[in-house]
Amino acid sequence: MKQKRSQLDVIHDMLASVQRKGGKIKPTQLLSKSNLSYKMMQEYLVILDQRELLEETQEKGKKMFVITEKGCQFLAEYRKLSAFTEAFGL
């Protein structure tokens, strides 16, 4: 059975989804790429906004989410930590 994702894993998945889409993503795309319910996505968007990792913008009248520089730094550090723990079999 698959383990539940930790908060850090979910945040990574959300930010990585935005980064893979060129740094900005529509809400519905973020929802499906992150594999979250709408309610959970809304809760995590508050966290990401408060920590300045992701920001909401409008583009041609449509809501978009854009990864910030701080969000990109988070992803880089997360990947380093992930590689480190995998190197030790953790």
C-alpha atoms as a PDB file:
ATOM      1  CA  MET A   1       0.000   0.000   0.000  1.00  0.00           C
ATOM      2  CA  LYS A   2       1.253   3.464  -0.902  1.00  0.00           C
ATOM      3  CA  GLN A   3       2.133   5.831   1.939  1.00  0.00           C
ATOM      4  CA  LYS A   4       0.474   9.216   2.267  1.00  0.00           C
ATOM      5  CA  ARG A   5       2.547  12.122   1.012  1.00  0.00           C
ATOM      6  CA  SER A   6       4.029  14.421   3.603  1.00  0.00           C
ATOM      7  CA  GLN A   7       3.301  18.144   3.547  1.00  0.00           C
ATOM      8  CA  LEU A   8       6.742  18.744   2.034  1.00  0.00           C
ATOM      9  CA  ASP A   9       6.082  16.164  -0.685  1.00  0.00           C
ATOM     10  CA  VAL A  10       2.772  17.796  -1.614  1.00  0.00           C
ATOM     11  CA  ILE A  11       4.372  21.242  -1.706  1.00  0.00           C
ATOM     12  CA  HIS A  12       7.158  19.853  -3.884  1.00  0.00           C
ATOM     13  CA  ASP A  13       4.655  18.211  -6.231  1.00  0.00           C
ATOM     14  CA  MET A  14       2.676  21.440  -6.586  1.00  0.00           C
ATOM     15  CA  LEU A  15       5.715  23.632  -7.208  1.00  0.00           C
ATOM     16  CA  ALA A  16       7.289  21.094  -9.568  1.00  0.00           C
ATOM     17  CA  SER A  17       4.033  20.978 -11.554  1.00  0.00           C
ATOM     18  CA  VAL A  18       4.152  24.753 -11.982  1.00  0.00           C
ATOM     19  CA  GLN A  19       7.828  24.679 -12.920  1.00  0.00           C
ATOM     20  CA  ARG A  20       7.265  21.943 -15.531  1.00  0.00           C
ATOM     21  CA  LYS A  21       4.570  24.104 -17.151  1.00  0.00           C
ATOM     22  CA  GLY A  22       7.058  26.928 -17.683  1.00  0.00           C
ATOM     23  CA  GLY A  23       6.611  28.679 -14.350  1.00  0.00           C
ATOM     24  CA  LYS A  24       2.878  29.327 -14.536  1.00  0.00           C
ATOM     25  CA  ILE A  25      -0.157  27.089 -14.472  1.00  0.00           C
ATOM     26  CA  LYS A  26      -3.950  27.266 -14.563  1.00  0.00           C
ATOM     27  CA  PRO A  27      -5.807  26.163 -11.413  1.00  0.00           C
ATOM     28  CA  THR A  28      -7.388  23.113 -13.067  1.00  0.00           C
ATOM     29  CA  GLN A  29      -4.034  21.946 -14.395  1.00  0.00           C
ATOM     30  CA  LEU A  30      -2.463  22.382 -10.959  1.00  0.00           C
ATOM     31  CA  LEU A  31      -5.298  20.400  -9.415  1.00  0.00           C
ATOM     32  CA  SER A  32      -4.844  17.430 -11.724  1.00  0.00           C
ATOM     33  CA  LYS A  33      -1.026  17.489 -11.860  1.00  0.00           C
ATOM     34  CA  SER A  34      -0.776  17.669  -8.051  1.00  0.00           C
ATOM     35  CA  ASN A  35      -3.296  14.860  -7.525  1.00  0.00           C
ATOM     36  CA  LEU A  36      -5.192  16.734  -4.819  1.00  0.00           C
ATOM     37  CA  SER A  37      -8.824  17.382  -4.031  1.00  0.00           C
ATOM     38  CA  TYR A  38     -10.042  20.920  -4.597  1.00  0.00           C
ATOM     39  CA  LYS A  39     -10.300  21.507  -0.842  1.00  0.00           C
ATOM     40  CA  MET A  40      -6.758  20.270  -0.180  1.00  0.00           C
ATOM     41  CA  MET A  41      -5.382  22.319  -3.062  1.00  0.00           C
ATOM     42  CA  GLN A  42      -6.991  25.452  -1.600  1.00  0.00           C
ATOM     43  CA  GLU A  43      -5.421  24.738   1.804  1.00  0.00           C
ATOM     44  CA  TYR A  44      -1.979  24.276   0.272  1.00  0.00           C
ATOM     45  CA  LEU A  45      -2.337  27.391  -1.883  1.00  0.00           C
ATOM     46  CA  VAL A  46      -2.766  29.427   1.301  1.00  0.00           C
ATOM     47  CA  ILE A  47       0.449  27.917   2.702  1.00  0.00           C
ATOM     48  CA  LEU A  48       2.358  28.525  -0.543  1.00  0.00           C
ATOM     49  CA  ASP A  49       1.124  32.103  -0.731  1.00  0.00           C
ATOM     50  CA  GLN A  50       1.959  32.862   2.908  1.00  0.00           C
ATOM     51  CA  ARG A  51       5.484  31.547   2.421  1.00  0.00           C
ATOM     52  CA  GLU A  52       5.853  33.413  -0.882  1.00  0.00           C
ATOM     53  CA  LEU A  53       6.561  30.252  -2.875  1.00  0.00           C
ATOM     54  CA  LEU A  54       3.688  30.723  -5.325  1.00  0.00           C
ATOM     55  CA  GLU A  55       1.612  33.729  -6.291  1.00  0.00           C
ATOM     56  CA  GLU A  56      -1.747  34.141  -7.955  1.00  0.00           C
ATOM     57  CA  THR A  57      -1.963  36.406 -10.999  1.00  0.00           C
ATOM     58  CA  GLN A  58      -4.410  37.232 -13.766  1.00  0.00           C
ATOM     59  CA  GLU A  59      -3.518  36.652 -17.394  1.00  0.00           C
ATOM     60  CA  LYS A  60      -6.030  37.674 -20.050  1.00  0.00           C
ATOM     61  CA  GLY A  61      -8.728  37.598 -17.370  1.00  0.00           C
ATOM     62  CA  LYS A  62      -7.837  34.064 -16.266  1.00  0.00           C
ATOM     63  CA  LYS A  63      -6.438  33.030 -12.894  1.00  0.00           C
ATOM     64  CA  MET A  64      -2.898  31.660 -13.034  1.00  0.00           C
ATOM     65  CA  PHE A  65      -0.416  30.530 -10.425  1.00  0.00           C
ATOM     66  CA  VAL A  66       3.218  31.569 -10.871  1.00  0.00           C
ATOM     67  CA  ILE A  67       6.198  30.091  -9.059  1.00  0.00           C
ATOM     68  CA  THR A  68       8.360  32.691  -7.329  1.00  0.00           C
ATOM     69  CA  GLU A  69      12.149  32.784  -7.086  1.00  0.00           C
ATOM     70  CA  LYS A  70      11.784  31.568  -3.514  1.00  0.00           C
ATOM     71  CA  GLY A  71       9.664  28.666  -4.820  1.00  0.00           C
ATOM     72  CA  CYS A  72      12.402  27.742  -7.286  1.00  0.00           C
ATOM     73  CA  GLN A  73      14.958  27.828  -4.466  1.00  0.00           C
ATOM     74  CA  PHE A  74      12.730  25.533  -2.406  1.00  0.00           C
ATOM     75  CA  LEU A  75      12.628  23.008  -5.263  1.00  0.00           C
ATOM     76  CA  ALA A  76      16.419  23.087  -5.656  1.00  0.00           C
ATOM     77  CA  GLU A  77      16.975  22.504  -1.938  1.00  0.00           C
ATOM     78  CA  TYR A  78      14.286  19.811  -1.798  1.00  0.00           C
ATOM     79  CA  ARG A  79      15.995  17.935  -4.635  1.00  0.00           C
ATOM     80  CA  LYS A  80      19.366  18.150  -2.856  1.00  0.00           C
ATOM     81  CA  LEU A  81      17.828  16.786   0.337  1.00  0.00           C
ATOM     82  CA  SER A  82      16.079  14.032  -1.601  1.00  0.00           C
ATOM     83  CA  ALA A  83      19.320  12.991  -3.307  1.00  0.00           C
ATOM     84  CA  PHE A  84      21.136  13.043   0.020  1.00  0.00           C
ATOM     85  CA  THR A  85      18.599  10.797   1.763  1.00  0.00           C
ATOM     86  CA  GLU A  86      18.479   8.394  -1.199  1.00  0.00           C
ATOM     87  CA  ALA A  87      22.290   8.136  -1.137  1.00  0.00           C
ATOM     88  CA  PHE A  88      22.023   6.755   2.396  1.00  0.00           C
ATOM     89  CA  GLY A  89      19.035   4.552   1.660  1.00  0.00           C
ATOM     90  CA  LEU A  90      16.643   6.613   3.771  1.00  0.00           C
END
